[in-house]
């Protein structure tokens, strides 16, 4: 698995911070604090990249932080730029798993509330458990 870092731009929006990725239009996230926005941005980025790879879409190389146009936001509402870590999988594999129906319903409900797919939610949950054991 390769590791890349993509530039994320944080914007203050009154009740929290939104995050966009100049290299990946359509990939965005949000958090009430800058810290939660950055954490959620990593989840969004890895999910977005995973879907691009699954769908066979070309993955752009990250633009170096120093090369990101400082005038991307002409109104000057951006509050920061950070590098967000992305794990680039070699390829996706389809799995068949079994679980209790009520557990699947709960997973689906939680994933929907987070704007994720069932697969994305399960992958993120597994990633977090594995990080805790490192």
Foldseek 3Di string as FASTA:
>chain_A
DDKAWFKWWWFDDPQWIKIDTPQDPPQIAIDRYPVVRLVRSLLSVQQVLQVCQQVVHDRDHHDDPVPPDPCPPVVPRTDDMDIHMYDHDPHDDDDDDDDDPVVLVVLCVVQVVSVHHSVSSVVVVVVVVVVVVD
